[in-house]
């Protein structure tokens, strides 16, 4: 489902957005959707990187348990 929303930007920022959208061959709406999606993906990737040390520790602990059960 696609929803229409309203957002407010100052004139200078909106001109910048329009210029980037035009340069990319996109509509303003498509450009903003792509930009927000890209940002959300980057934030999710950063969270995964922050979680990685804990996940690696858990894997190491499981490997130790497997090794101990084999002994």
N, C-alpha and C. Protein backbone atom coordinates (compact mmCIF):
# COMPACT_ATOMS: atom_id res chain seq x y z
N UNK A 1 0.84 -1.17 0.00
CA UNK A 1 0.00 0.00 0.00
C UNK A 1 0.90 1.25 0.00
N UNK A 2 0.51 2.21 -0.77
CA UNK A 2 1.23 3.48 -0.85
C UNK A 2 0.39 4.54 -0.15
N UNK A 3 1.04 5.32 0.71
CA UNK A 3 0.35 6.41 1.41
C UNK A 3 0.97 7.73 1.04
N UNK A 4 0.14 8.71 0.92
CA UNK A 4 0.59 10.07 0.65
C UNK A 4 0.78 10.78 1.99
N UNK A 5 1.92 11.49 2.14
CA UNK A 5 2.19 12.22 3.37
C UNK A 5 2.59 13.65 3.04
N UNK A 6 2.57 14.49 4.03
CA UNK A 6 3.06 15.86 3.88
C UNK A 6 4.30 16.04 4.73
N UNK A 7 5.30 16.67 4.17
CA UNK A 7 6.51 17.02 4.92
C UNK A 7 6.84 18.48 4.64
N UNK A 8 7.58 19.08 5.56
CA UNK A 8 7.94 20.49 5.42
C UNK A 8 9.46 20.63 5.38
N UNK A 9 9.95 21.30 4.34
CA UNK A 9 11.37 21.59 4.20
C UNK A 9 11.52 23.08 3.91
N UNK A 10 12.65 23.64 4.32
CA UNK A 10 12.87 25.04 3.94
C UNK A 10 13.20 25.10 2.45
N UNK A 11 13.03 26.27 1.87
CA UNK A 11 13.17 26.43 0.41
C UNK A 11 14.52 25.96 -0.11
N UNK A 12 15.59 26.34 0.59
CA UNK A 12 16.93 26.00 0.12
C UNK A 12 17.14 24.49 0.11
N UNK A 13 16.68 23.81 1.15
CA UNK A 13 16.84 22.37 1.21
C UNK A 13 16.00 21.69 0.13
N UNK A 14 14.79 22.18 -0.08
CA UNK A 14 13.93 21.61 -1.11
C UNK A 14 14.53 21.79 -2.50
N UNK A 15 15.16 22.92 -2.76
CA UNK A 15 15.85 23.12 -4.04
C UNK A 15 16.97 22.12 -4.21
N UNK A 16 17.68 21.84 -3.12
CA UNK A 16 18.76 20.86 -3.16
C UNK A 16 18.21 19.46 -3.46
N UNK A 17 17.11 19.12 -2.81
CA UNK A 17 16.47 17.83 -3.04
C UNK A 17 16.02 17.72 -4.50
N UNK A 18 15.39 18.77 -5.00
CA UNK A 18 14.92 18.75 -6.39
C UNK A 18 16.07 18.61 -7.37
N UNK A 19 17.19 19.29 -7.09
CA UNK A 19 18.35 19.19 -7.98
C UNK A 19 18.91 17.77 -7.98
N UNK A 20 19.01 17.16 -6.80
CA UNK A 20 19.53 15.79 -6.72
C UNK A 20 18.57 14.81 -7.39
N UNK A 21 17.27 15.02 -7.21
CA UNK A 21 16.28 14.15 -7.85
C UNK A 21 16.39 14.26 -9.37
N UNK A 22 16.48 15.48 -9.86
CA UNK A 22 16.59 15.69 -11.30
C UNK A 22 17.85 15.04 -11.85
N UNK A 23 18.97 15.23 -11.14
CA UNK A 23 20.25 14.65 -11.57
C UNK A 23 20.16 13.12 -11.60
N UNK A 24 19.36 12.56 -10.71
CA UNK A 24 19.20 11.10 -10.65
C UNK A 24 18.12 10.59 -11.59
N UNK A 25 17.42 11.51 -12.24
CA UNK A 25 16.34 11.11 -13.15
C UNK A 25 15.12 10.59 -12.42
N UNK A 26 14.90 11.11 -11.22
CA UNK A 26 13.78 10.65 -10.40
C UNK A 26 12.85 11.81 -10.09
N UNK A 27 11.65 11.45 -9.73
CA UNK A 27 10.74 12.47 -9.19
C UNK A 27 11.19 12.80 -7.77
N UNK A 28 10.71 13.91 -7.26
CA UNK A 28 11.03 14.28 -5.88
C UNK A 28 10.58 13.18 -4.93
N UNK A 29 9.37 12.68 -5.13
CA UNK A 29 8.82 11.65 -4.27
C UNK A 29 9.67 10.37 -4.31
N UNK A 30 10.02 9.94 -5.51
CA UNK A 30 10.84 8.73 -5.65
C UNK A 30 12.21 8.93 -5.02
N UNK A 31 12.79 10.10 -5.22
CA UNK A 31 14.10 10.39 -4.64
C UNK A 31 14.05 10.34 -3.12
N UNK A 32 13.04 10.99 -2.54
CA UNK A 32 12.92 11.01 -1.08
C UNK A 32 12.67 9.60 -0.53
N UNK A 33 11.84 8.82 -1.22
CA UNK A 33 11.60 7.44 -0.79
C UNK A 33 12.89 6.63 -0.84
N UNK A 34 13.66 6.78 -1.91
CA UNK A 34 14.93 6.07 -2.04
C UNK A 34 15.91 6.51 -0.94
N UNK A 35 15.96 7.83 -0.67
CA UNK A 35 16.89 8.34 0.33
C UNK A 35 16.53 7.81 1.72
N UNK A 36 15.26 7.81 2.06
CA UNK A 36 14.83 7.31 3.37
C UNK A 36 15.09 5.81 3.47
N UNK A 37 14.81 5.08 2.41
CA UNK A 37 15.07 3.64 2.40
C UNK A 37 16.56 3.34 2.57
N UNK A 38 17.39 4.09 1.87
CA UNK A 38 18.84 3.92 1.99
C UNK A 38 19.30 4.19 3.42
N UNK A 39 18.78 5.27 4.01
CA UNK A 39 19.14 5.61 5.39
C UNK A 39 18.70 4.50 6.34
N UNK A 40 17.48 4.01 6.18
CA UNK A 40 16.99 2.94 7.05
C UNK A 40 17.85 1.69 6.93
N UNK A 41 18.25 1.34 5.72
CA UNK A 41 19.12 0.18 5.52
C UNK A 41 20.48 0.38 6.17
N UNK A 42 21.02 1.59 6.07
CA UNK A 42 22.30 1.88 6.70
C UNK A 42 22.20 1.78 8.22
N UNK A 43 21.11 2.28 8.78
CA UNK A 43 20.92 2.20 10.22
C UNK A 43 20.81 0.73 10.67
N UNK A 44 20.10 -0.08 9.91
CA UNK A 44 19.98 -1.50 10.23
C UNK A 44 21.34 -2.19 10.14
N UNK A 45 22.12 -1.85 9.14
CA UNK A 45 23.47 -2.42 8.99
C UNK A 45 24.36 -2.02 10.16
N UNK A 46 24.26 -0.77 10.57
CA UNK A 46 25.07 -0.31 11.71
C UNK A 46 24.67 -1.04 12.98
N UNK A 47 23.37 -1.31 13.16
CA UNK A 47 22.93 -2.05 14.33
C UNK A 47 23.46 -3.48 14.30
N UNK A 48 23.46 -4.10 13.13
CA UNK A 48 24.01 -5.45 13.02
C UNK A 48 25.49 -5.45 13.37
N UNK A 49 26.23 -4.43 12.95
CA UNK A 49 27.65 -4.35 13.29
C UNK A 49 27.84 -4.17 14.79
N UNK A 50 26.97 -3.39 15.42
CA UNK A 50 27.07 -3.22 16.88
C UNK A 50 26.76 -4.53 17.60
N UNK A 51 25.86 -5.34 17.04
CA UNK A 51 25.47 -6.61 17.64
C UNK A 51 26.49 -7.72 17.38
N UNK A 52 27.34 -7.55 16.40
CA UNK A 52 28.25 -8.61 15.96
C UNK A 52 29.16 -9.15 17.07
N UNK A 53 29.81 -8.31 17.88
CA UNK A 53 30.68 -8.89 18.91
C UNK A 53 29.93 -9.83 19.86
N UNK A 54 28.71 -9.47 20.25
CA UNK A 54 27.93 -10.33 21.14
C UNK A 54 27.57 -11.63 20.44
N UNK A 55 27.19 -11.55 19.17
CA UNK A 55 26.85 -12.76 18.43
C UNK A 55 28.06 -13.68 18.27
N UNK A 56 29.21 -13.08 18.00
CA UNK A 56 30.43 -13.89 17.88
C UNK A 56 30.78 -14.55 19.21
N UNK A 57 30.56 -13.85 20.31
CA UNK A 57 30.80 -14.42 21.64
C UNK A 57 29.87 -15.61 21.88
N UNK A 58 28.62 -15.47 21.49
CA UNK A 58 27.66 -16.56 21.65
C UNK A 58 28.05 -17.77 20.81
N UNK A 59 28.53 -17.53 19.60
CA UNK A 59 29.00 -18.64 18.75
C UNK A 59 30.19 -19.32 19.39
N UNK A 60 31.10 -18.54 19.92
CA UNK A 60 32.28 -19.12 20.57
C UNK A 60 31.87 -19.97 21.77
N UNK A 61 30.91 -19.49 22.55
CA UNK A 61 30.44 -20.25 23.71
C UNK A 61 29.77 -21.55 23.27
N UNK A 62 28.99 -21.51 22.20
CA UNK A 62 28.37 -22.74 21.69
C UNK A 62 29.42 -23.71 21.18
N UNK A 63 30.42 -23.21 20.49
CA UNK A 63 31.50 -24.08 20.02
C UNK A 63 32.23 -24.73 21.19
N UNK A 64 32.45 -23.96 22.26
CA UNK A 64 33.10 -24.52 23.46
C UNK A 64 32.24 -25.64 24.06
N UNK A 65 30.91 -25.45 24.10
CA UNK A 65 30.03 -26.47 24.65
C UNK A 65 30.07 -27.73 23.80
N UNK A 66 30.09 -27.56 22.47
CA UNK A 66 30.16 -28.71 21.57
C UNK A 66 31.49 -29.44 21.79
N UNK A 67 32.57 -28.69 21.89
CA UNK A 67 33.89 -29.30 22.11
C UNK A 67 33.91 -30.05 23.45
N UNK A 68 33.32 -29.46 24.48
CA UNK A 68 33.30 -30.09 25.80
C UNK A 68 32.47 -31.39 25.77
N UNK A 69 31.39 -31.40 24.99
CA UNK A 69 30.54 -32.60 24.92
C UNK A 69 31.23 -33.72 24.15
N UNK A 70 32.17 -33.38 23.29
CA UNK A 70 32.90 -34.39 22.51
C UNK A 70 34.01 -35.02 23.34
N UNK A 71 34.46 -34.31 24.37
CA UNK A 71 35.60 -34.79 25.17
C UNK A 71 35.23 -35.90 26.11
